[in-house]
Amino acid sequence: MAHVRDKIIPVHCGFGTQQVVWLGHVAIARYDEEGEAQGWMELGIPTKTTKDGKRELGLTDVICDVLQDRNHVCISTSLG
């Protein structure tokens, strides 16, 4: 689950072979539920991802190496 601003966005990662930055991009893209604006236009790009509000993950970390199923991450973005 990815936390972006005030929303919690479920992101299915399959085997988790993607980098953490991918998770941020997907969460940002899905941020706008009504489709009025593309998430990246409002939020920018992912700049930081933290696990459970404590541990910062590297944007190039591989998801399956640093996260487990149902972990929550907080995504910080370039446009806040």
Protein backbone atom coordinates (compact mmCIF):
# COMPACT_ATOMS: atom_id res chain seq x y z
CA MET A 1 0.00 0.00 0.00
CA ALA A 2 1.38 3.36 -0.99
CA HIS A 3 0.51 6.51 0.95
CA VAL A 4 0.48 9.62 -1.23
CA ARG A 5 -0.66 12.76 0.56
CA ASP A 6 -4.02 11.86 2.11
CA LYS A 7 -4.70 8.73 0.05
CA ILE A 8 -3.77 5.08 0.45
CA ILE A 9 -3.27 3.47 -2.95
CA PRO A 10 -2.99 -0.30 -3.41
CA VAL A 11 -0.25 -1.27 -5.88
CA HIS A 12 0.23 -4.88 -6.90
CA CYS A 13 3.91 -5.53 -7.62
CA GLY A 14 3.81 -9.12 -8.88
CA PHE A 15 7.16 -10.74 -8.13
CA GLY A 16 8.55 -7.36 -7.02
CA THR A 17 11.47 -7.27 -9.44
CA GLN A 18 10.90 -3.57 -10.14
CA GLN A 19 12.77 -0.75 -8.44
CA VAL A 20 11.15 1.21 -5.61
CA VAL A 21 10.95 4.29 -7.85
CA TRP A 22 8.52 2.31 -10.07
CA LEU A 23 6.21 1.89 -7.08
CA GLY A 24 6.27 5.65 -6.55
CA HIS A 25 5.49 6.38 -10.20
CA VAL A 26 2.55 3.94 -10.21
CA ALA A 27 1.11 5.39 -6.98
CA ILE A 28 1.40 8.92 -8.36
CA ALA A 29 -0.25 7.89 -11.62
CA ARG A 30 -3.16 6.33 -9.70
CA TYR A 31 -3.53 9.25 -7.27
CA ASP A 32 -6.27 11.00 -9.26
CA GLU A 33 -9.29 8.68 -9.05
CA GLU A 34 -11.66 10.94 -10.99
CA GLY A 35 -9.29 11.31 -13.93
CA GLU A 36 -9.55 15.10 -13.92
CA ALA A 37 -5.77 15.55 -13.92
CA GLN A 38 -2.87 13.20 -14.31
CA GLY A 39 -1.26 12.54 -10.92
CA TRP A 40 2.23 13.46 -12.06
CA MET A 41 1.07 16.91 -13.19
CA GLU A 42 -0.11 17.68 -9.66
CA LEU A 43 2.50 15.73 -7.69
CA GLY A 44 5.59 15.54 -9.89
CA ILE A 45 7.91 12.57 -9.48
CA PRO A 46 8.73 10.40 -6.46
CA THR A 47 11.66 11.80 -4.48
CA LYS A 48 11.64 9.67 -1.33
CA THR A 49 10.00 6.45 -0.16
CA THR A 50 9.86 5.44 3.49
CA LYS A 51 8.75 2.11 4.92
CA ASP A 52 6.45 2.26 7.94
CA GLY A 53 7.31 5.95 8.34
CA LYS A 54 10.81 5.13 9.59
CA ARG A 55 13.22 3.54 7.15
CA GLU A 56 14.02 5.38 3.93
CA LEU A 57 14.28 3.07 0.94
CA GLY A 58 16.64 3.73 -1.94
CA LEU A 59 14.81 4.58 -5.14
CA THR A 60 16.89 1.96 -6.97
CA ASP A 61 16.30 -0.77 -4.35
CA VAL A 62 14.51 -3.82 -5.74
CA ILE A 63 11.05 -4.15 -4.20
CA CYS A 64 11.29 -7.86 -3.30
CA ASP A 65 14.58 -7.19 -1.45
CA VAL A 66 13.23 -4.43 0.83
CA LEU A 67 9.45 -4.98 1.14
CA GLN A 68 7.09 -7.79 1.98
CA ASP A 69 3.45 -8.32 1.01
CA ARG A 70 1.12 -5.72 2.49
CA ASN A 71 3.88 -3.39 3.69
CA HIS A 72 2.95 0.28 3.73
CA VAL A 73 5.22 2.92 2.21
CA CYS A 74 4.97 6.71 2.17
CA ILE A 75 5.80 8.43 -1.11
CA SER A 76 7.19 11.98 -1.08
CA THR A 77 6.94 13.89 -4.34
CA SER A 78 8.79 16.71 -6.06
CA LEU A 79 5.73 18.99 -6.09
CA GLY A 80 4.67 18.13 -2.55
